[in-house]
Amino acid sequence: MDAKEILDDNVEAKNESFLYYLLHKSFFDKEAFRALVDSIRILSDEEVGISRTAQQINYIYGKILRCFLYHFDTQDEYKIKNMPKHYSKLLEILDKSVGYYYKTRI
């Protein structure tokens, strides 16, 4: 599966993408997370249309952050199964990938 397909699947939360697992299964899938981060980095190095891709990256990034917030909200019933103990490090990796995408576009 190529980087654009991985991004598209995450936007739609389908085909066992990271957002599919996070939103529909409340599960942190490490392999799907790695595929998402890698696809953002690959897209950063390719000449692609920025507006559509940027919108997709923003959408995915926002969904992931909200799921993490809901997970830690004691008033919310949403809990992520298999939440890594080093989640802050993983968020930092994601943040750097998203930042790198925009840095290469501006």
PDB file of N, CA and C in Angstrom:
ATOM      1  N   MET A   1       0.857  -1.174   0.000  1.00  0.00           N
ATOM      2  CA  MET A   1       0.000   0.000   0.000  1.00  0.00           C
ATOM      3  C   MET A   1       0.905   1.239   0.000  1.00  0.00           C
ATOM      4  N   ASP A   2       0.584   2.199  -0.844  1.00  0.00           N
ATOM      5  CA  ASP A   2       1.440   3.381  -0.887  1.00  0.00           C
ATOM      6  C   ASP A   2       1.007   4.423   0.139  1.00  0.00           C
ATOM      7  N   ALA A   3       1.845   5.426   0.306  1.00  0.00           N
ATOM      8  CA  ALA A   3       1.646   6.437   1.352  1.00  0.00           C
ATOM      9  C   ALA A   3       0.306   7.154   1.221  1.00  0.00           C
ATOM     10  N   LYS A   4      -0.081   7.487   0.004  1.00  0.00           N
ATOM     11  CA  LYS A   4      -1.350   8.208  -0.203  1.00  0.00           C
ATOM     12  C   LYS A   4      -2.538   7.325   0.174  1.00  0.00           C
ATOM     13  N   GLU A   5      -2.463   6.036  -0.149  1.00  0.00           N
ATOM     14  CA  GLU A   5      -3.540   5.114   0.226  1.00  0.00           C
ATOM     15  C   GLU A   5      -3.655   4.991   1.740  1.00  0.00           C
ATOM     16  N   ILE A   6      -2.521   4.941   2.413  1.00  0.00           N
ATOM     17  CA  ILE A   6      -2.532   4.853   3.876  1.00  0.00           C
ATOM     18  C   ILE A   6      -3.177   6.101   4.466  1.00  0.00           C
ATOM     19  N   LEU A   7      -2.844   7.264   3.923  1.00  0.00           N
ATOM     20  CA  LEU A   7      -3.443   8.510   4.400  1.00  0.00           C
ATOM     21  C   LEU A   7      -4.951   8.514   4.131  1.00  0.00           C
ATOM     22  N   ASP A   8      -5.343   8.129   2.915  1.00  0.00           N
ATOM     23  CA  ASP A   8      -6.767   8.079   2.564  1.00  0.00           C
ATOM     24  C   ASP A   8      -7.534   7.118   3.481  1.00  0.00           C
ATOM     25  N   ASP A   9      -6.965   5.947   3.743  1.00  0.00           N
ATOM     26  CA  ASP A   9      -7.626   4.974   4.619  1.00  0.00           C
ATOM     27  C   ASP A   9      -7.789   5.523   6.033  1.00  0.00           C
ATOM     28  N   ASN A  10      -6.803   6.275   6.510  1.00  0.00           N
ATOM     29  CA  ASN A  10      -6.914   6.869   7.843  1.00  0.00           C
ATOM     30  C   ASN A  10      -7.986   7.945   7.890  1.00  0.00           C
ATOM     31  N   VAL A  11      -8.096   8.740   6.847  1.00  0.00           N
ATOM     32  CA  VAL A  11      -9.141   9.773   6.810  1.00  0.00           C
ATOM     33  C   VAL A  11     -10.514   9.125   6.932  1.00  0.00           C
ATOM     34  N   GLU A  12     -10.684   7.996   6.257  1.00  0.00           N
ATOM     35  CA  GLU A  12     -11.967   7.300   6.276  1.00  0.00           C
ATOM     36  C   GLU A  12     -12.054   6.256   7.390  1.00  0.00           C
ATOM     37  N   ALA A  13     -10.976   6.107   8.165  1.00  0.00           N
ATOM     38  CA  ALA A  13     -10.907   5.125   9.261  1.00  0.00           C
ATOM     39  C   ALA A  13     -11.320   3.741   8.773  1.00  0.00           C
ATOM     40  N   LYS A  14     -10.671   3.287   7.690  1.00  0.00           N
ATOM     41  CA  LYS A  14     -11.024   1.979   7.135  1.00  0.00           C
ATOM     42  C   LYS A  14      -9.778   1.151   6.852  1.00  0.00           C
ATOM     43  N   ASN A  15      -9.993  -0.082   6.415  1.00  0.00           N
ATOM     44  CA  ASN A  15      -8.931  -1.000   6.011  1.00  0.00           C
ATOM     45  C   ASN A  15      -7.848  -1.185   7.074  1.00  0.00           C
ATOM     46  N   GLU A  16      -8.256  -1.308   8.284  1.00  0.00           N
ATOM     47  CA  GLU A  16      -7.334  -1.551   9.391  1.00  0.00           C
ATOM     48  C   GLU A  16      -6.257  -0.470   9.517  1.00  0.00           C
ATOM     49  N   SER A  17      -6.647   0.758   9.234  1.00  0.00           N
ATOM     50  CA  SER A  17      -5.755   1.906   9.404  1.00  0.00           C
ATOM     51  C   SER A  17      -5.633   2.231  10.900  1.00  0.00           C
ATOM     52  N   PHE A  18      -4.696   3.105  11.231  1.00  0.00           N
ATOM     53  CA  PHE A  18      -4.529   3.485  12.627  1.00  0.00           C
ATOM     54  C   PHE A  18      -5.813   4.093  13.191  1.00  0.00           C
ATOM     55  N   LEU A  19      -6.443   5.002  12.433  1.00  0.00           N
ATOM     56  CA  LEU A  19      -7.696   5.592  12.929  1.00  0.00           C
ATOM     57  C   LEU A  19      -8.820   4.563  12.992  1.00  0.00           C
ATOM     58  N   TYR A  20      -8.812   3.582  12.114  1.00  0.00           N
ATOM     59  CA  TYR A  20      -9.802   2.507  12.208  1.00  0.00           C
ATOM     60  C   TYR A  20      -9.694   1.833  13.580  1.00  0.00           C
ATOM     61  N   TYR A  21      -8.484   1.427  13.932  1.00  0.00           N
ATOM     62  CA  TYR A  21      -8.290   0.776  15.225  1.00  0.00           C
ATOM     63  C   TYR A  21      -8.604   1.715  16.393  1.00  0.00           C
ATOM     64  N   LEU A  22      -8.134   2.956  16.297  1.00  0.00           N
ATOM     65  CA  LEU A  22      -8.305   3.894  17.398  1.00  0.00           C
ATOM     66  C   LEU A  22      -9.775   4.269  17.600  1.00  0.00           C
ATOM     67  N   LEU A  23     -10.491   4.563  16.507  1.00  0.00           N
ATOM     68  CA  LEU A  23     -11.880   5.009  16.621  1.00  0.00           C
ATOM     69  C   LEU A  23     -12.882   3.868  16.789  1.00  0.00           C
ATOM     70  N   HIS A  24     -12.683   2.790  16.041  1.00  0.00           N
ATOM     71  CA  HIS A  24     -13.685   1.719  16.041  1.00  0.00           C
ATOM     72  C   HIS A  24     -13.387   0.585  17.010  1.00  0.00           C
ATOM     73  N   LYS A  25     -12.119   0.405  17.339  1.00  0.00           N
ATOM     74  CA  LYS A  25     -11.744  -0.682  18.239  1.00  0.00           C
ATOM     75  C   LYS A  25     -11.169  -0.172  19.561  1.00  0.00           C
ATOM     76  N   SER A  26     -10.981   1.145  19.674  1.00  0.00           N
ATOM     77  CA  SER A  26     -10.357   1.754  20.858  1.00  0.00           C
ATOM     78  C   SER A  26      -9.038   1.050  21.166  1.00  0.00           C
ATOM     79  N   PHE A  27      -8.260   0.823  20.133  1.00  0.00           N
ATOM     80  CA  PHE A  27      -7.030   0.038  20.246  1.00  0.00           C
ATOM     81  C   PHE A  27      -5.881   0.788  19.582  1.00  0.00           C
ATOM     82  N   PHE A  28      -4.744   0.876  20.265  1.00  0.00           N
ATOM     83  CA  PHE A  28      -3.560   1.520  19.711  1.00  0.00           C
ATOM     84  C   PHE A  28      -2.746   0.458  18.979  1.00  0.00           C
ATOM     85  N   ASP A  29      -2.842   0.460  17.662  1.00  0.00           N
ATOM     86  CA  ASP A  29      -2.110  -0.512  16.857  1.00  0.00           C
ATOM     87  C   ASP A  29      -0.763   0.086  16.449  1.00  0.00           C
ATOM     88  N   LYS A  30       0.311  -0.469  16.981  1.00  0.00           N
ATOM     89  CA  LYS A  30       1.650   0.083  16.770  1.00  0.00           C
ATOM     90  C   LYS A  30       2.079   0.040  15.309  1.00  0.00           C
ATOM     91  N   GLU A  31       1.780  -1.040  14.610  1.00  0.00           N
ATOM     92  CA  GLU A  31       2.158  -1.150  13.205  1.00  0.00           C
ATOM     93  C   GLU A  31       1.401  -0.149  12.337  1.00  0.00           C
ATOM     94  N   ALA A  32       0.125   0.023  12.609  1.00  0.00           N
ATOM     95  CA  ALA A  32      -0.669   0.983  11.834  1.00  0.00           C
ATOM     96  C   ALA A  32      -0.226   2.415  12.132  1.00  0.00           C
ATOM     97  N   PHE A  33       0.180   2.669  13.393  1.00  0.00           N
ATOM     98  CA  PHE A  33       0.704   3.988  13.752  1.00  0.00           C
ATOM     99  C   PHE A  33       1.980   4.265  12.966  1.00  0.00           C
ATOM    100  N   ARG A  34       2.885   3.292  12.943  1.00  0.00           N
ATOM    101  CA  ARG A  34       4.152   3.445  12.220  1.00  0.00           C
ATOM    102  C   ARG A  34       3.893   3.676  10.729  1.00  0.00           C
ATOM    103  N   ALA A  35       2.952   2.948  10.157  1.00  0.00           N
ATOM    104  CA  ALA A  35       2.625   3.123   8.738  1.00  0.00           C
ATOM    105  C   ALA A  35       2.110   4.534   8.468  1.00  0.00           C
ATOM    106  N   LEU A  36       1.289   5.060   9.373  1.00  0.00           N
ATOM    107  CA  LEU A  36       0.768   6.419   9.221  1.00  0.00           C
ATOM    108  C   LEU A  36       1.896   7.447   9.279  1.00  0.00           C
ATOM    109  N   VAL A  37       2.742   7.348  10.291  1.00  0.00           N
ATOM    110  CA  VAL A  37       3.850   8.297  10.444  1.00  0.00           C
ATOM    111  C   VAL A  37       4.776   8.222   9.234  1.00  0.00           C
ATOM    112  N   ASP A  38       5.096   7.013   8.801  1.00  0.00           N
ATOM    113  CA  ASP A  38       5.968   6.849   7.633  1.00  0.00           C
ATOM    114  C   ASP A  38       5.334   7.434   6.378  1.00  0.00           C
ATOM    115  N   SER A  39       4.037   7.247   6.211  1.00  0.00           N
ATOM    116  CA  SER A  39       3.371   7.779   5.015  1.00  0.00           C
ATOM    117  C   SER A  39       3.392   9.306   5.008  1.00  0.00           C
ATOM    118  N   ILE A  40       3.241   9.932   6.165  1.00  0.00           N
ATOM    119  CA  ILE A  40       3.315  11.399   6.235  1.00  0.00           C
ATOM    120  C   ILE A  40       4.710  11.860   5.819  1.00  0.00           C
ATOM    121  N   ARG A  41       5.721  11.158   6.288  1.00  0.00           N
ATOM    122  CA  ARG A  41       7.104  11.528   5.924  1.00  0.00           C
ATOM    123  C   ARG A  41       7.358  11.315   4.437  1.00  0.00           C
ATOM    124  N   ILE A  42       6.865  10.238   3.892  1.00  0.00           N
ATOM    125  CA  ILE A  42       7.034   9.974   2.456  1.00  0.00           C
ATOM    126  C   ILE A  42       6.348  11.062   1.641  1.00  0.00           C
ATOM    127  N   LEU A  43       5.132  11.402   2.029  1.00  0.00           N
ATOM    128  CA  LEU A  43       4.397  12.448   1.311  1.00  0.00           C
ATOM    129  C   LEU A  43       5.094  13.799   1.430  1.00  0.00           C
ATOM    130  N   SER A  44       5.828  13.998   2.507  1.00  0.00           N
ATOM    131  CA  SER A  44       6.578  15.239   2.688  1.00  0.00           C
ATOM    132  C   SER A  44       7.661  15.379   1.627  1.00  0.00           C
ATOM    133  N   ASP A  45       8.205  14.267   1.191  1.00  0.00           N
ATOM    134  CA  ASP A  45       9.305  14.290   0.230  1.00  0.00           C
ATOM    135  C   ASP A  45       8.843  14.208  -1.223  1.00  0.00           C
ATOM    136  N   GLU A  46       7.567  14.011  -1.440  1.00  0.00           N
ATOM    137  CA  GLU A  46       7.027  13.913  -2.794  1.00  0.00           C
ATOM    138  C   GLU A  46       6.371  15.225  -3.201  1.00  0.00           C
ATOM    139  N   GLU A  47       6.274  15.419  -4.476  1.00  0.00           N
ATOM    140  CA  GLU A  47       5.536  16.572  -5.003  1.00  0.00           C
ATOM    141  C   GLU A  47       4.067  16.160  -5.126  1.00  0.00           C
ATOM    142  N   VAL A  48       3.268  16.555  -4.195  1.00  0.00           N
ATOM    143  CA  VAL A  48       1.837  16.243  -4.222  1.00  0.00           C
ATOM    144  C   VAL A  48       1.063  17.523  -3.957  1.00  0.00           C
ATOM    145  N   GLY A  49      -0.209  17.501  -4.284  1.00  0.00           N
ATOM    146  CA  GLY A  49      -1.045  18.662  -4.020  1.00  0.00           C
ATOM    147  C   GLY A  49      -1.149  18.928  -2.530  1.00  0.00           C
ATOM    148  N   ILE A  50      -0.711  20.087  -2.115  1.00  0.00           N
ATOM    149  CA  ILE A  50      -0.654  20.378  -0.676  1.00  0.00           C
ATOM    150  C   ILE A  50      -2.035  20.532  -0.051  1.00  0.00           C
ATOM    151  N   SER A  51      -2.975  21.149  -0.728  1.00  0.00           N
ATOM    152  CA  SER A  51      -4.229  21.467  -0.049  1.00  0.00           C
ATOM    153  C   SER A  51      -4.997  20.224   0.395  1.00  0.00           C
ATOM    154  N   ARG A  52      -5.194  19.260  -0.477  1.00  0.00           N
ATOM    155  CA  ARG A  52      -5.940  18.045  -0.120  1.00  0.00           C
ATOM    156  C   ARG A  52      -5.167  17.218   0.905  1.00  0.00           C
ATOM    157  N   THR A  53      -3.893  17.016   0.667  1.00  0.00           N
ATOM    158  CA  THR A  53      -3.075  16.240   1.596  1.00  0.00           C
ATOM    159  C   THR A  53      -2.981  16.926   2.948  1.00  0.00           C
ATOM    160  N   ALA A  54      -2.804  18.233   2.951  1.00  0.00           N
ATOM    161  CA  ALA A  54      -2.718  18.985   4.208  1.00  0.00           C
ATOM    162  C   ALA A  54      -4.020  18.855   4.998  1.00  0.00           C
ATOM    163  N   GLN A  55      -5.141  18.922   4.312  1.00  0.00           N
ATOM    164  CA  GLN A  55      -6.432  18.762   4.990  1.00  0.00           C
ATOM    165  C   GLN A  55      -6.541  17.375   5.612  1.00  0.00           C
ATOM    166  N   GLN A  56      -6.096  16.359   4.887  1.00  0.00           N
ATOM    167  CA  GLN A  56      -6.171  14.997   5.406  1.00  0.00           C
ATOM    168  C   GLN A  56      -5.263  14.822   6.626  1.00  0.00           C
ATOM    169  N   ILE A  57      -4.053  15.349   6.537  1.00  0.00           N
ATOM    170  CA  ILE A  57      -3.128  15.234   7.662  1.00  0.00           C
ATOM    171  C   ILE A  57      -3.691  15.951   8.886  1.00  0.00           C
ATOM    172  N   ASN A  58      -4.233  17.145   8.693  1.00  0.00           N
ATOM    173  CA  ASN A  58      -4.836  17.888   9.810  1.00  0.00           C
ATOM    174  C   ASN A  58      -5.999  17.116  10.428  1.00  0.00           C
ATOM    175  N   TYR A  59      -6.835  16.530   9.591  1.00  0.00           N
ATOM    176  CA  TYR A  59      -7.990  15.773  10.069  1.00  0.00           C
ATOM    177  C   TYR A  59      -7.536  14.585  10.934  1.00  0.00           C
ATOM    178  N   ILE A  60      -6.593  13.811  10.408  1.00  0.00           N
ATOM    179  CA  ILE A  60      -6.094  12.639  11.124  1.00  0.00           C
ATOM    180  C   ILE A  60      -5.432  13.048  12.434  1.00  0.00           C
ATOM    181  N   TYR A  61      -4.581  14.053  12.379  1.00  0.00           N
ATOM    182  CA  TYR A  61      -3.864  14.537  13.557  1.00  0.00           C
ATOM    183  C   TYR A  61      -4.846  14.974  14.648  1.00  0.00           C
ATOM    184  N   GLY A  62      -5.863  15.716  14.255  1.00  0.00           N
ATOM    185  CA  GLY A  62      -6.879  16.165  15.213  1.00  0.00           C
ATOM    186  C   GLY A  62      -7.636  15.013  15.839  1.00  0.00           C
ATOM    187  N   LYS A  63      -8.006  14.019  15.031  1.00  0.00           N
ATOM    188  CA  LYS A  63      -8.730  12.852  15.552  1.00  0.00           C
ATOM    189  C   LYS A  63      -7.882  12.097  16.576  1.00  0.00           C
ATOM    190  N   ILE A  64      -6.602  11.907  16.257  1.00  0.00           N
ATOM    191  CA  ILE A  64      -5.713  11.194  17.170  1.00  0.00           C
ATOM    192  C   ILE A  64      -5.591  11.950  18.490  1.00  0.00           C
ATOM    193  N   LEU A  65      -5.381  13.252  18.414  1.00  0.00           N
ATOM    194  CA  LEU A  65      -5.252  14.045  19.643  1.00  0.00           C
ATOM    195  C   LEU A  65      -6.525  13.988  20.483  1.00  0.00           C
ATOM    196  N   ARG A  66      -7.683  14.081  19.834  1.00  0.00           N
ATOM    197  CA  ARG A  66      -8.946  14.001  20.581  1.00  0.00           C
ATOM    198  C   ARG A  66      -9.106  12.634  21.246  1.00  0.00           C
ATOM    199  N   CYS A  67      -8.756  11.571  20.548  1.00  0.00           N
ATOM    200  CA  CYS A  67      -8.864  10.232  21.144  1.00  0.00           C
ATOM    201  C   CYS A  67      -7.967  10.106  22.367  1.00  0.00           C
ATOM    202  N   PHE A  68      -6.762  10.660  22.285  1.00  0.00           N
ATOM    203  CA  PHE A  68      -5.868  10.633  23.442  1.00  0.00           C
ATOM    204  C   PHE A  68      -6.462  11.438  24.598  1.00  0.00           C
ATOM    205  N   LEU A  69      -7.030  12.591  24.297  1.00  0.00           N
ATOM    206  CA  LEU A  69      -7.659  13.402  25.351  1.00  0.00           C
ATOM    207  C   LEU A  69      -8.824  12.663  25.989  1.00  0.00           C
ATOM    208  N   TYR A  70      -9.671  12.046  25.167  1.00  0.00           N
ATOM    209  CA  TYR A  70     -10.808  11.303  25.703  1.00  0.00           C
ATOM    210  C   TYR A  70     -10.338  10.135  26.566  1.00  0.00           C
ATOM    211  N   HIS A  71      -9.272   9.493  26.148  1.00  0.00           N
ATOM    212  CA  HIS A  71      -8.734   8.359  26.904  1.00  0.00           C
ATOM    213  C   HIS A  71      -8.372   8.775  28.337  1.00  0.00           C
ATOM    214  N   PHE A  72      -7.783   9.958  28.485  1.00  0.00           N
ATOM    215  CA  PHE A  72      -7.338  10.411  29.802  1.00  0.00           C
ATOM    216  C   PHE A  72      -8.396  11.210  30.572  1.00  0.00           C
ATOM    217  N   ASP A  73      -9.525  11.479  29.952  1.00  0.00           N
ATOM    218  CA  ASP A  73     -10.608  12.206  30.616  1.00  0.00           C
ATOM    219  C   ASP A  73     -11.364  11.241  31.525  1.00  0.00           C
ATOM    220  N   THR A  74     -11.321  11.487  32.813  1.00  0.00           N
ATOM    221  CA  THR A  74     -11.972  10.590  33.769  1.00  0.00           C
ATOM    222  C   THR A  74     -13.502  10.612  33.635  1.00  0.00           C
ATOM    223  N   GLN A  75     -14.033  11.638  32.996  1.00  0.00           N
ATOM    224  CA  GLN A  75     -15.483  11.748  32.808  1.00  0.00           C
ATOM    225  C   GLN A  75     -15.953  11.054  31.528  1.00  0.00           C
ATOM    226  N   ASP A  76     -15.025  10.571  30.714  1.00  0.00           N
ATOM    227  CA  ASP A  76     -15.356   9.954  29.431  1.00  0.00           C
ATOM    228  C   ASP A  76     -15.148   8.444  29.519  1.00  0.00           C
ATOM    229  N   GLU A  77     -16.018   7.686  28.879  1.00  0.00           N
ATOM    230  CA  GLU A  77     -15.919   6.229  28.917  1.00  0.00           C
ATOM    231  C   GLU A  77     -14.972   5.671  27.866  1.00  0.00           C
ATOM    232  N   TYR A  78     -14.536   6.488  26.916  1.00  0.00           N
ATOM    233  CA  TYR A  78     -13.640   6.022  25.852  1.00  0.00           C
ATOM    234  C   TYR A  78     -12.268   5.706  26.427  1.00  0.00           C
ATOM    235  N   LYS A  79     -11.805   4.507  26.209  1.00  0.00           N
ATOM    236  CA  LYS A  79     -10.474   4.090  26.665  1.00  0.00           C
ATOM    237  C   LYS A  79      -9.785   3.344  25.529  1.00  0.00           C
ATOM    238  N   ILE A  80      -8.521   3.654  25.310  1.00  0.00           N
ATOM    239  CA  ILE A  80      -7.734   3.005  24.276  1.00  0.00           C
ATOM    240  C   ILE A  80      -7.084   1.760  24.873  1.00  0.00           C
ATOM    241  N   LYS A  81      -7.390   0.619  24.260  1.00  0.00           N
ATOM    242  CA  LYS A  81      -6.746  -0.623  24.687  1.00  0.00           C
ATOM    243  C   LYS A  81      -5.340  -0.644  24.093  1.00  0.00           C
ATOM    244  N   ASN A  82      -4.423  -1.225  24.805  1.00  0.00           N
ATOM    245  CA  ASN A  82      -3.045  -1.351  24.339  1.00  0.00           C
ATOM    246  C   ASN A  82      -2.354   0.017  24.235  1.00  0.00           C
ATOM    247  N   MET A  83      -2.772   0.960  25.050  1.00  0.00           N
ATOM    248  CA  MET A  83      -2.162   2.294  25.040  1.00  0.00           C
ATOM    249  C   MET A  83      -0.716   2.166  25.498  1.00  0.00           C
ATOM    250  N   PRO A  84       0.228   2.542  24.656  1.00  0.00           N
ATOM    251  CA  PRO A  84       1.641   2.412  25.046  1.00  0.00           C
ATOM    252  C   PRO A  84       1.974   3.309  26.233  1.00  0.00           C
ATOM    253  N   LYS A  85       2.850   2.819  27.079  1.00  0.00           N
ATOM    254  CA  LYS A  85       3.260   3.626  28.234  1.00  0.00           C
ATOM    255  C   LYS A  85       4.041   4.852  27.790  1.00  0.00           C
ATOM    256  N   HIS A  86       4.710   4.745  26.677  1.00  0.00           N
ATOM    257  CA  HIS A  86       5.501   5.861  26.164  1.00  0.00           C
ATOM    258  C   HIS A  86       4.713   6.653  25.104  1.00  0.00           C
ATOM    259  N   TYR A  87       3.412   6.821  25.339  1.00  0.00           N
ATOM    260  CA  TYR A  87       2.540   7.506  24.384  1.00  0.00           C
ATOM    261  C   TYR A  87       3.018   8.926  24.067  1.00  0.00           C
ATOM    262  N   SER A  88       3.610   9.610  25.051  1.00  0.00           N
ATOM    263  CA  SER A  88       4.056  10.981  24.790  1.00  0.00           C
ATOM    264  C   SER A  88       5.183  10.993  23.759  1.00  0.00           C
ATOM    265  N   LYS A  89       6.028   9.985  23.783  1.00  0.00           N
ATOM    266  CA  LYS A  89       7.102   9.857  22.792  1.00  0.00           C
ATOM    267  C   LYS A  89       6.514   9.617  21.401  1.00  0.00           C
ATOM    268  N   LEU A  90       5.468   8.800  21.332  1.00  0.00           N
ATOM    269  CA  LEU A  90       4.819   8.523  20.053  1.00  0.00           C
ATOM    270  C   LEU A  90       4.116   9.765  19.521  1.00  0.00           C
ATOM    271  N   LEU A  91       3.483  10.526  20.414  1.00  0.00           N
ATOM    272  CA  LEU A  91       2.867  11.781  19.980  1.00  0.00           C
ATOM    273  C   LEU A  91       3.922  12.754  19.467  1.00  0.00           C
ATOM    274  N   GLU A  92       5.080  12.733  20.090  1.00  0.00           N
ATOM    275  CA  GLU A  92       6.179  13.587  19.643  1.00  0.00           C
ATOM    276  C   GLU A  92       6.644  13.182  18.237  1.00  0.00           C
ATOM    277  N   ILE A  93       6.715  11.881  17.975  1.00  0.00           N
ATOM    278  CA  ILE A  93       7.075  11.389  16.645  1.00  0.00           C
ATOM    279  C   ILE A  93       6.038  11.841  15.620  1.00  0.00           C
ATOM    280  N   LEU A  94       4.770  11.693  15.958  1.00  0.00           N
ATOM    281  CA  LEU A  94       3.699  12.133  15.069  1.00  0.00           C
ATOM    282  C   LEU A  94       3.778  13.638  14.838  1.00  0.00           C
ATOM    283  N   ASP A  95       3.965  14.394  15.898  1.00  0.00           N
ATOM    284  CA  ASP A  95       4.058  15.845  15.802  1.00  0.00           C
ATOM    285  C   ASP A  95       5.217  16.263  14.893  1.00  0.00           C
ATOM    286  N   LYS A  96       6.348  15.601  15.031  1.00  0.00           N
ATOM    287  CA  LYS A  96       7.503  15.921  14.189  1.00  0.00           C
ATOM    288  C   LYS A  96       7.233  15.580  12.732  1.00  0.00           C
ATOM    289  N   SER A  97       6.534  14.483  12.485  1.00  0.00           N
ATOM    290  CA  SER A  97       6.204  14.106  11.113  1.00  0.00           C
ATOM    291  C   SER A  97       5.273  15.129  10.473  1.00  0.00           C
ATOM    292  N   VAL A  98       4.269  15.538  11.219  1.00  0.00           N
ATOM    293  CA  VAL A  98       3.335  16.550  10.712  1.00  0.00           C
ATOM    294  C   VAL A  98       4.076  17.877  10.502  1.00  0.00           C
ATOM    295  N   GLY A  99       4.897  18.252  11.465  1.00  0.00           N
ATOM    296  CA  GLY A  99       5.685  19.477  11.334  1.00  0.00           C
ATOM    297  C   GLY A  99       6.622  19.429  10.142  1.00  0.00           C
ATOM    298  N   TYR A 100       7.238  18.274   9.922  1.00  0.00           N
ATOM    299  CA  TYR A 100       8.143  18.106   8.782  1.00  0.00           C
ATOM    300  C   TYR A 100       7.389  18.269   7.474  1.00  0.00           C
ATOM    301  N   TYR A 101       6.175  17.738   7.406  1.00  0.00           N
ATOM    302  CA  TYR A 101       5.366  17.889   6.193  1.00  0.00           C
ATOM    303  C   TYR A 101       5.194  19.364   5.853  1.00  0.00           C
ATOM    304  N   TYR A 102       4.788  20.148   6.838  1.00  0.00           N
ATOM    305  CA  TYR A 102       4.550  21.571   6.579  1.00  0.00           C
ATOM    306  C   TYR A 102       5.851  22.346   6.340  1.00  0.00           C
ATOM    307  N   LYS A 103       6.895  21.945   7.017  1.00  0.00           N
ATOM    308  CA  LYS A 103       8.195  22.618   6.827  1.00  0.00           C
ATOM    309  C   LYS A 103       8.674  22.443   5.396  1.00  0.00           C
ATOM    310  N   THR A 104       8.436  21.287   4.802  1.00  0.00           N
ATOM    311  CA  THR A 104       8.873  21.044   3.433  1.00  0.00           C
ATOM    312  C   THR A 104       7.966  21.712   2.395  1.00  0.00           C
ATOM    313  N   ARG A 105       6.834  22.221   2.834  1.00  0.00           N
ATOM    314  CA  ARG A 105       5.876  22.842   1.912  1.00  0.00           C
ATOM    315  C   ARG A 105       5.920  24.369   1.929  1.00  0.00           C
ATOM    316  N   ILE A 106       6.479  24.941   2.969  1.00  0.00           N
ATOM    317  CA  ILE A 106       6.461  26.406   3.104  1.00  0.00           C
ATOM    318  C   ILE A 106       7.801  26.980   2.710  1.00  0.00           C
TER     319      ILE A 106
END
